[in-house]
C-alpha atoms as a PDB file:
ATOM      1  CA  MET A   1       0.126  -0.094   0.057  1.00  0.00           C
ATOM      2  CA  SER A   2       1.155   3.412  -1.139  1.00  0.00           C
ATOM      3  CA  LEU A   3      -0.133   6.858  -0.132  1.00  0.00           C
ATOM      4  CA  THR A   4       1.861   9.788  -1.852  1.00  0.00           C
ATOM      5  CA  PRO A   5       1.548  13.152  -0.058  1.00  0.00           C
ATOM      6  CA  SER A   6      -0.367  14.196  -3.397  1.00  0.00           C
ATOM      7  CA  ASP A   7      -2.813  11.289  -2.494  1.00  0.00           C
ATOM      8  CA  ILE A   8      -3.712  12.856   0.625  1.00  0.00           C
ATOM      9  CA  TYR A   9      -3.818  16.726  -0.536  1.00  0.00           C
ATOM     10  CA  ASN A  10      -6.204  15.843  -3.626  1.00  0.00           C
ATOM     11  CA  LYS A  11      -8.643  13.434  -1.918  1.00  0.00           C
ATOM     12  CA  GLU A  12     -12.160  14.944  -2.207  1.00  0.00           C
ATOM     13  CA  PHE A  13     -14.622  13.338   0.079  1.00  0.00           C
ATOM     14  CA  ASP A  14     -18.284  12.896  -1.032  1.00  0.00           C
ATOM     15  CA  LYS A  15     -20.657  15.464   0.409  1.00  0.00           C
ATOM     16  CA  THR A  16     -23.673  14.175   2.318  1.00  0.00           C
ATOM     17  CA  PHE A  17     -26.688  15.824   3.697  1.00  0.00           C
ATOM     18  CA  SER A  18     -25.484  19.261   3.248  1.00  0.00           C
ATOM     19  CA  ILE A  19     -22.896  20.985   1.695  1.00  0.00           C
ATOM     20  CA  LEU A  20     -20.732  21.664   4.323  1.00  0.00           C
ATOM     21  CA  SER A  21     -20.414  17.894   6.101  1.00  0.00           C
ATOM     22  CA  TYR A  22     -18.394  15.026   4.304  1.00  0.00           C
ATOM     23  CA  ASP A  23     -19.396  11.034   4.386  1.00  0.00           C
ATOM     24  CA  GLN A  24     -18.379   9.814   7.854  1.00  0.00           C
ATOM     25  CA  GLN A  25     -17.397   6.447   6.725  1.00  0.00           C
ATOM     26  CA  GLU A  26     -15.421   7.604   3.899  1.00  0.00           C
ATOM     27  CA  VAL A  27     -13.458   9.895   6.071  1.00  0.00           C
ATOM     28  CA  ASP A  28     -12.661   7.357   8.725  1.00  0.00           C
ATOM     29  CA  ASP A  29     -11.233   4.912   5.796  1.00  0.00           C
ATOM     30  CA  PHE A  30      -8.829   7.588   4.598  1.00  0.00           C
ATOM     31  CA  LEU A  31      -7.994   8.270   8.266  1.00  0.00           C
ATOM     32  CA  ASP A  32      -7.531   4.636   8.517  1.00  0.00           C
ATOM     33  CA  LEU A  33      -5.291   4.373   5.312  1.00  0.00           C
ATOM     34  CA  ILE A  34      -3.388   7.314   6.667  1.00  0.00           C
ATOM     35  CA  ALA A  35      -2.745   5.799  10.023  1.00  0.00           C
ATOM     36  CA  ALA A  36      -1.772   2.333   8.324  1.00  0.00           C
ATOM     37  CA  TYR A  37       0.345   4.039   5.878  1.00  0.00           C
ATOM     38  CA  TYR A  38       1.828   6.526   8.671  1.00  0.00           C
ATOM     39  CA  GLU A  39       2.459   2.865  10.502  1.00  0.00           C
ATOM     40  CA  GLU A  40       4.173   1.736   7.676  1.00  0.00           C
ATOM     41  CA  VAL A  41       6.257   4.822   7.173  1.00  0.00           C
ATOM     42  CA  LEU A  42       7.501   4.938  10.859  1.00  0.00           C
ATOM     43  CA  LYS A  43       8.140   1.210  10.968  1.00  0.00           C
ATOM     44  CA  GLU A  44      10.401   1.989   8.140  1.00  0.00           C
ATOM     45  CA  ASN A  45      11.717   4.728   9.346  1.00  0.00           C
ATOM     46  CA  ASN A  46      12.597   2.924  12.745  1.00  0.00           C
ATOM     47  CA  ASP A  47      14.114  -0.026  10.584  1.00  0.00           C
ATOM     48  CA  LEU A  48      15.999   2.624   8.684  1.00  0.00           C
ATOM     49  CA  LYS A  49      17.503   4.198  11.957  1.00  0.00           C
ATOM     50  CA  LEU A  50      18.412   0.720  13.377  1.00  0.00           C
ATOM     51  CA  LYS A  51      19.922   0.049   9.829  1.00  0.00           C
ATOM     52  CA  ILE A  52      21.594   3.562   9.965  1.00  0.00           C
ATOM     53  CA  GLU A  53      23.088   2.872  13.799  1.00  0.00           C
ATOM     54  CA  LYS A  54      23.884  -0.901  12.889  1.00  0.00           C
ATOM     55  CA  LEU A  55      26.189   0.730   9.880  1.00  0.00           C
ATOM     56  CA  GLU A  56      27.398   3.446  11.687  1.00  0.00           C
ATOM     57  CA  SER A  57      28.515   1.100  14.199  1.00  0.00           C
ATOM     58  CA  LYS A  58      30.075  -0.942  11.683  1.00  0.00           C
ATOM     59  CA  ILE A  59      31.756   2.377  10.530  1.00  0.00           C
ATOM     60  CA  GLU A  60      32.861   3.043  13.728  1.00  0.00           C
ATOM     61  CA  GLU A  61      34.458  -0.723  14.136  1.00  0.00           C
ATOM     62  CA  TYR A  62      35.877  -0.388  10.457  1.00  0.00           C
ATOM     63  CA  GLN A  63      37.509   3.272  11.376  1.00  0.00           C
ATOM     64  CA  GLU A  64      38.539   1.721  14.876  1.00  0.00           C
ATOM     65  CA  LYS A  65      40.375  -1.330  12.994  1.00  0.00           C
ATOM     66  CA  ASP A  66      41.609   1.038  10.384  1.00  0.00           C
ATOM     67  CA  LYS A  67      43.238   3.021  13.004  1.00  0.00           C
ATOM     68  CA  LYS A  68      44.962   0.005  14.631  1.00  0.00           C
ATOM     69  CA  LEU A  69      46.239  -1.053  11.036  1.00  0.00           C
ATOM     70  CA  HIS A  70      47.555   2.569  10.762  1.00  0.00           C
ATOM     71  CA  GLN A  71      49.191   2.287  14.126  1.00  0.00           C
ATOM     72  CA  THR A  72      50.648  -1.126  13.497  1.00  0.00           C
ATOM     73  CA  ILE A  73      51.896  -0.254  10.049  1.00  0.00           C
ATOM     74  CA  ASP A  74      53.421   2.853  11.786  1.00  0.00           C
ATOM     75  CA  GLN A  75      55.148   0.891  14.764  1.00  0.00           C
ATOM     76  CA  ALA A  76      56.271  -1.894  12.124  1.00  0.00           C
ATOM     77  CA  GLN A  77      58.045   0.906  10.013  1.00  0.00           C
ATOM     78  CA  GLN A  78      59.613   2.255  13.193  1.00  0.00           C
ATOM     79  CA  THR A  79      60.679  -1.306  14.338  1.00  0.00           C
ATOM     80  CA  MET A  80      61.967  -1.887  10.634  1.00  0.00           C
ATOM     81  CA  GLU A  81      63.469   1.747  10.719  1.00  0.00           C
ATOM     82  CA  THR A  82      65.165   0.958  14.254  1.00  0.00           C
ATOM     83  CA  GLN A  83      66.323  -2.500  12.958  1.00  0.00           C
ATOM     84  CA  LYS A  84      67.709  -1.118  10.206  1.00  0.00           C
ATOM     85  CA  ALA A  85      69.640   1.699  11.729  1.00  0.00           C
ATOM     86  CA  GLU A  86      70.917  -1.085  14.599  1.00  0.00           C
ATOM     87  CA  ALA A  87      71.874  -3.660  11.473  1.00  0.00           C
ATOM     88  CA  GLU A  88      73.530  -0.419   9.645  1.00  0.00           C
ATOM     89  CA  LYS A  89      75.757   0.512  12.786  1.00  0.00           C
ATOM     90  CA  LYS A  90      76.510  -3.330  13.299  1.00  0.00           C
ATOM     91  CA  ALA A  91      77.987  -3.257   9.529  1.00  0.00           C
ATOM     92  CA  ASP A  92      79.608   0.029  10.439  1.00  0.00           C
ATOM     93  CA  LEU A  93      81.332  -1.645  13.222  1.00  0.00           C
ATOM     94  CA  ILE A  94      82.284  -4.753  11.469  1.00  0.00           C
ATOM     95  CA  LEU A  95      83.719  -2.707   8.853  1.00  0.00           C
ATOM     96  CA  GLU A  96      85.732  -1.049  11.242  1.00  0.00           C
ATOM     97  CA  GLU A  97      86.894  -3.894  13.357  1.00  0.00           C
ATOM     98  CA  ALA A  98      88.020  -5.581  10.022  1.00  0.00           C
ATOM     99  CA  ARG A  99      89.590  -1.964   8.660  1.00  0.00           C
ATOM    100  CA  LEU A 100      91.445  -2.043  12.209  1.00  0.00           C
ATOM    101  CA  GLU A 101      92.308  -5.883  11.723  1.00  0.00           C
ATOM    102  CA  ALA A 102      93.691  -5.374   8.161  1.00  0.00           C
ATOM    103  CA  GLU A 103      95.861  -2.402   9.303  1.00  0.00           C
ATOM    104  CA  LYS A 104      96.903  -4.501  12.297  1.00  0.00           C
ATOM    105  CA  ILE A 105      97.882  -7.398  10.054  1.00  0.00           C
ATOM    106  CA  LYS A 106      99.412  -4.867   7.509  1.00  0.00           C
ATOM    107  CA  GLU A 107     101.633  -3.197  10.453  1.00  0.00           C
ATOM    108  CA  GLU A 108     102.833  -6.809  11.925  1.00  0.00           C
ATOM    109  CA  ALA A 109     103.581  -7.647   8.091  1.00  0.00           C
ATOM    110  CA  LYS A 110     105.537  -4.281   7.996  1.00  0.00           C
ATOM    111  CA  ILE A 111     107.724  -5.021  11.341  1.00  0.00           C
ATOM    112  CA  LYS A 112     108.169  -8.994   9.452  1.00  0.00           C
ATOM    113  CA  VAL A 113     109.028  -7.433   6.327  1.00  0.00           C
ATOM    114  CA  GLU A 114     111.757  -4.900   8.551  1.00  0.00           C
ATOM    115  CA  LYS A 115     112.955  -7.733  10.974  1.00  0.00           C
ATOM    116  CA  LYS A 116     113.685 -10.045   7.738  1.00  0.00           C
ATOM    117  CA  TYR A 117     115.520  -6.896   6.040  1.00  0.00           C
ATOM    118  CA  GLN A 118     117.518  -6.311   9.037  1.00  0.00           C
ATOM    119  CA  GLN A 119     118.452  -9.927   9.636  1.00  0.00           C
ATOM    120  CA  TYR A 120     119.186 -10.054   5.104  1.00  0.00           C
ATOM    121  CA  ARG A 121     121.901  -7.126   6.330  1.00  0.00           C
ATOM    122  CA  GLU A 122     122.981  -8.775   9.072  1.00  0.00           C
ATOM    123  CA  LEU A 123     123.782 -11.793   6.943  1.00  0.00           C
ATOM    124  CA  ILE A 124     125.459  -9.568   4.156  1.00  0.00           C
ATOM    125  CA  GLU A 125     127.862  -7.858   6.903  1.00  0.00           C
ATOM    126  CA  HIS A 126     128.411 -11.468   8.752  1.00  0.00           C
ATOM    127  CA  GLU A 127     129.301 -12.308   5.009  1.00  0.00           C
ATOM    128  CA  LYS A 128     131.667  -9.350   4.693  1.00  0.00           C
ATOM    129  CA  LEU A 129     133.123  -9.760   7.870  1.00  0.00           C
ATOM    130  CA  PHE A 130     133.525 -13.417   7.121  1.00  0.00           C
ATOM    131  CA  LYS A 131     135.233 -13.001   3.511  1.00  0.00           C
ATOM    132  CA  ILE A 132     137.682 -10.192   5.204  1.00  0.00           C
ATOM    133  CA  LYS A 133     138.443 -12.459   7.744  1.00  0.00           C
ATOM    134  CA  PHE A 134     138.835 -15.538   5.950  1.00  0.00           C
ATOM    135  CA  LYS A 135     141.339 -13.178   3.746  1.00  0.00           C
ATOM    136  CA  THR A 136     143.008 -12.145   6.698  1.00  0.00           C
ATOM    137  CA  LEU A 137     143.633 -15.808   7.762  1.00  0.00           C
ATOM    138  CA  LEU A 138     144.483 -16.774   4.077  1.00  0.00           C
ATOM    139  CA  LYS A 139     146.788 -14.225   4.046  1.00  0.00           C
ATOM    140  CA  SER A 140     148.249 -14.913   7.384  1.00  0.00           C
ATOM    141  CA  HIS A 141     148.439 -18.736   6.388  1.00  0.00           C
ATOM    142  CA  LEU A 142     150.117 -17.762   2.559  1.00  0.00           C
ATOM    143  CA  GLU A 143     152.479 -15.540   4.927  1.00  0.00           C
ATOM    144  CA  MET A 144     153.578 -18.436   7.361  1.00  0.00           C
ATOM    145  CA  LEU A 145     153.481 -20.764   4.246  1.00  0.00           C
ATOM    146  CA  ASP A 146     156.261 -18.406   2.534  1.00  0.00           C
ATOM    147  CA  GLN A 147     158.134 -17.869   5.912  1.00  0.00           C
ATOM    148  CA  GLN A 148     157.950 -21.684   6.022  1.00  0.00           C
ATOM    149  CA  ALA A 149     159.308 -21.695   2.641  1.00  0.00           C
ATOM    150  CA  GLY A 150     161.880 -19.053   3.786  1.00  0.00           C
ATOM    151  CA  LEU A 151     162.790 -21.308   6.653  1.00  0.00           C
ATOM    152  CA  GLU A 152     163.073 -24.368   4.421  1.00  0.00           C
ATOM    153  CA  GLN A 153     165.549 -22.102   2.503  1.00  0.00           C
ATOM    154  CA  VAL A 154     167.741 -20.933   5.234  1.00  0.00           C
ATOM    155  CA  LYS A 155     167.781 -24.577   6.342  1.00  0.00           C
ATOM    156  CA  GLU A 156     169.144 -25.910   3.188  1.00  0.00           C
ATOM    157  CA  GLU A 157     171.233 -23.181   2.968  1.00  0.00           C
ATOM    158  CA  LEU A 158     172.275 -23.815   6.480  1.00  0.00           C
ATOM    159  CA  ASP A 159     172.520 -27.550   5.986  1.00  0.00           C
ATOM    160  CA  PHE A 160     174.579 -27.062   2.643  1.00  0.00           C
ATOM    161  CA  GLU A 161     177.037 -24.767   4.863  1.00  0.00           C
ATOM    162  CA  ILE A 162     177.589 -27.343   7.772  1.00  0.00           C
ATOM    163  CA  SER A 163     177.984 -30.008   5.049  1.00  0.00           C
ATOM    164  CA  GLU A 164     180.797 -28.335   3.795  1.00  0.00           C
END
């Protein structure tokens, strides 16, 4: 059943005994129709209000969930940024430790090279000293041999003079 405002405004009642009065039954029937329609409209209005309240409640739930989701996303991003910063710090620390270790190894290698070079120089000095001592020894032995040859010659001369 549908009743429009135009139906209400344009409703004409039959006039009865006099020009100024309407048919009571027709007026009552129309009022019953309007009351029924009004009840229907009120029920529909109440149903729509309930539906609106439910939808608004759902909207609030969704907004709350959306807010929590955004908070969770923000927290996740902050956590990610914190972890990223910590990872970068750790990486920098590892790189610094590696650089220091490399410097230490390099310094130790440099010291070893210098030590080996010093040993090499000492060996060269020992070799030179050995050569000098060996030459001196050979020279003195040669001189001794020459002296011994000279002694033998003197001995031969002495022997020769004695035997004569």
